[in-house]
Amino acid sequence: MTTKNAAKVVPSLWYVKEAEEAARFYASIFPNSRVDRVSTLAAETPSGPPGSVAVVDFTLFGQPFSAMSAGPMDDFNHAISFSVHCDDQAEIDRYWNAILEGGGTVEQCGWIRDRFGVAWQIVPTKLGEMIAHPDREKAKRVTEAMLKMVKLDLPKLQQAFDGR
């Protein structure tokens, strides 16, 4: 769905029936987020009769998204995920816990699935710098520490990076 001031690229998510619920859930977690519009398709579609397919335009962190409740098609998988870059451990903990709320599941290395099946990566912003550091021994230590974690622990990653 496009509007006059729409972004050129908008991630779009396909849900069986939970598009509005998911958009409201995500908007409740992140700042500068909101549900912008919920509408239904007025014509018959392969997914259902008029009015049965909900289209939701929403914003997360100022980034426009679109979602659709249009029946079973493909499950969400790791091929597409959303990375949330966090400044400190408190921010990591806040987003991790919020996404887990209501039935999310944890995975390795900072990955988490929300109750709708969407994969998220909750990562410290500093992790990218540490992994890309020119001192490859530091980068190796932090990578090895990360691989042992479920929720990422920034102080422990920093200790590994520093060789402590």
Protein backbone atom coordinates (compact mmCIF):
# COMPACT_ATOMS: atom_id res chain seq x y z
CA MET A 1 0.00 0.00 0.00
CA THR A 2 1.46 3.35 -0.93
CA THR A 3 0.65 6.86 0.13
CA LYS A 4 1.92 10.24 -0.97
CA ASN A 5 4.86 10.30 1.49
CA ALA A 6 5.53 6.56 1.68
CA ALA A 7 9.00 5.08 1.84
CA LYS A 8 10.30 3.46 -1.33
CA VAL A 9 10.94 0.13 0.41
CA VAL A 10 8.55 -1.16 3.07
CA PRO A 11 8.98 -4.58 4.69
CA SER A 12 5.75 -6.54 4.40
CA LEU A 13 4.74 -9.44 6.64
CA TRP A 14 2.12 -12.10 5.80
CA TYR A 15 0.19 -13.54 8.74
CA VAL A 16 -2.47 -16.21 8.74
CA LYS A 17 -4.86 -13.96 10.66
CA GLU A 18 -2.91 -11.94 13.25
CA ALA A 19 -1.59 -8.94 11.29
CA GLU A 20 -3.35 -6.29 13.34
CA GLU A 21 -2.60 -8.02 16.65
CA ALA A 22 1.08 -8.36 15.70
CA ALA A 23 1.38 -4.73 14.56
CA ARG A 24 -0.19 -3.48 17.80
CA PHE A 25 2.12 -5.76 19.82
CA TYR A 26 5.26 -4.48 18.04
CA ALA A 27 4.13 -0.85 18.29
CA SER A 28 3.68 -1.28 22.05
CA ILE A 29 7.31 -2.37 22.44
CA PHE A 30 9.36 0.11 20.43
CA PRO A 31 9.54 3.93 20.65
CA ASN A 32 8.42 6.05 17.71
CA SER A 33 6.03 3.25 16.72
CA ARG A 34 2.32 3.10 15.95
CA VAL A 35 -0.39 1.43 13.92
CA ASP A 36 -1.14 3.85 11.10
CA ARG A 37 -4.03 2.19 9.30
CA VAL A 38 -6.06 -1.01 9.29
CA SER A 39 -8.19 -1.77 6.27
CA THR A 40 -9.79 -4.73 4.54
CA LEU A 41 -9.71 -5.56 0.87
CA ALA A 42 -12.94 -4.68 -0.91
CA ALA A 43 -12.69 -7.34 -3.62
CA GLU A 44 -12.56 -11.11 -3.77
CA THR A 45 -8.96 -12.36 -3.48
CA PRO A 46 -7.34 -15.79 -3.51
CA SER A 47 -7.15 -15.42 0.28
CA GLY A 48 -10.83 -14.78 0.85
CA PRO A 49 -13.98 -12.81 0.17
CA PRO A 50 -14.27 -9.01 0.41
CA GLY A 51 -13.58 -7.78 3.92
CA SER A 52 -11.76 -10.90 5.08
CA VAL A 53 -8.20 -9.81 4.29
CA ALA A 54 -6.86 -7.18 6.66
CA VAL A 55 -4.02 -4.91 5.58
CA VAL A 56 -2.18 -3.07 8.33
CA ASP A 57 0.23 -0.19 7.83
CA PHE A 58 2.38 0.43 10.88
CA THR A 59 5.60 2.13 11.93
CA LEU A 60 8.43 0.76 14.10
CA PHE A 61 11.23 3.10 15.17
CA GLY A 62 10.03 5.46 12.42
CA GLN A 63 10.36 2.74 9.71
CA PRO A 64 7.15 1.95 7.80
CA PHE A 65 5.97 -1.66 7.64
CA SER A 66 2.99 -3.41 6.15
CA ALA A 67 1.26 -6.59 7.28
CA MET A 68 -1.55 -8.65 5.90
CA SER A 69 -3.87 -11.26 7.41
CA ALA A 70 -4.44 -13.41 4.37
CA GLY A 71 -4.45 -17.04 5.43
CA PRO A 72 -1.77 -19.72 5.47
CA MET A 73 0.88 -19.39 2.79
CA ASP A 74 4.46 -19.65 4.04
CA ASP A 75 5.71 -19.81 7.61
CA PHE A 76 8.16 -17.20 8.85
CA ASN A 77 11.74 -18.49 8.93
CA HIS A 78 15.29 -17.28 9.55
CA ALA A 79 15.74 -16.15 5.96
CA ILE A 80 14.20 -12.84 7.04
CA SER A 81 14.59 -11.42 10.54
CA PHE A 82 14.60 -8.05 12.22
CA SER A 83 17.70 -6.89 14.10
CA VAL A 84 17.23 -4.53 17.00
CA HIS A 85 20.50 -2.78 17.84
CA CYS A 86 20.72 -1.93 21.54
CA ASP A 87 22.97 0.55 23.31
CA ASP A 88 23.25 -1.29 26.63
CA GLN A 89 22.23 -4.40 28.55
CA ALA A 90 19.11 -2.74 29.96
CA GLU A 91 17.84 -2.11 26.43
CA ILE A 92 18.68 -5.69 25.39
CA ASP A 93 16.79 -7.02 28.41
CA ARG A 94 13.77 -4.76 27.82
CA TYR A 95 13.25 -5.74 24.18
CA TRP A 96 14.08 -9.40 24.80
CA ASN A 97 11.52 -9.67 27.59
CA ALA A 98 8.87 -7.72 25.68
CA ILE A 99 9.15 -9.92 22.59
CA LEU A 100 9.02 -13.05 24.73
CA GLU A 101 5.78 -11.85 26.32
CA GLY A 102 2.78 -13.93 25.43
CA GLY A 103 4.55 -16.92 23.98
CA GLY A 104 7.81 -16.04 22.27
CA THR A 105 10.66 -18.55 22.20
CA VAL A 106 14.38 -18.05 22.67
CA GLU A 107 17.08 -19.25 20.32
CA GLN A 108 20.88 -19.10 20.28
CA CYS A 109 23.09 -16.04 19.75
CA GLY A 110 20.54 -13.33 20.52
CA TRP A 111 17.79 -14.71 18.27
CA ILE A 112 14.23 -14.83 19.51
CA ARG A 113 10.89 -15.67 17.91
CA ASP A 114 7.82 -13.72 18.85
CA ARG A 115 4.48 -15.44 19.41
CA PHE A 116 3.62 -14.91 15.73
CA GLY A 117 6.71 -16.77 14.52
CA VAL A 118 8.74 -13.75 13.35
CA ALA A 119 12.49 -14.00 14.05
CA TRP A 120 14.25 -11.11 15.79
CA GLN A 121 17.88 -10.53 16.67
CA ILE A 122 18.32 -8.49 19.85
CA VAL A 123 21.96 -7.42 19.70
CA PRO A 124 24.23 -4.84 21.27
CA THR A 125 25.27 -2.26 18.70
CA LYS A 126 28.84 -2.69 19.90
CA LEU A 127 28.86 -6.37 18.88
CA GLY A 128 29.25 -5.50 15.20
CA GLU A 129 32.28 -3.36 16.00
CA MET A 130 33.83 -6.11 18.13
CA ILE A 131 33.33 -8.83 15.51
CA ALA A 132 34.77 -6.60 12.77
CA HIS A 133 37.74 -5.44 14.89
CA PRO A 134 41.10 -5.61 13.08
CA ASP A 135 42.56 -7.57 16.01
CA ARG A 136 41.20 -10.94 14.87
CA GLU A 137 42.03 -12.62 18.21
CA LYS A 138 39.69 -10.17 19.99
CA ALA A 139 37.06 -10.77 17.33
CA LYS A 140 37.46 -14.53 17.72
CA ARG A 141 37.05 -14.41 21.51
CA VAL A 142 33.89 -12.33 21.34
CA THR A 143 32.44 -14.54 18.59
CA GLU A 144 33.14 -17.68 20.61
CA ALA A 145 31.53 -16.10 23.69
CA MET A 146 28.46 -15.08 21.66
CA LEU A 147 28.03 -18.60 20.30
CA LYS A 148 27.58 -19.90 23.88
CA MET A 149 24.83 -17.39 24.70
CA VAL A 150 21.09 -17.35 24.20
CA LYS A 151 20.25 -13.77 25.23
CA LEU A 152 23.36 -11.71 24.56
CA ASP A 153 25.17 -10.42 27.62
CA LEU A 154 27.05 -7.24 26.72
CA PRO A 155 29.31 -7.17 29.82
CA LYS A 156 30.41 -10.77 29.16
CA LEU A 157 30.96 -10.03 25.48
CA GLN A 158 33.10 -7.04 26.47
CA GLN A 159 35.09 -9.23 28.89
CA ALA A 160 35.75 -11.76 26.13
CA PHE A 161 36.77 -8.98 23.76
CA ASP A 162 39.14 -7.53 26.37
CA GLY A 163 40.60 -10.98 27.13
CA ARG A 164 39.42 -11.02 30.74
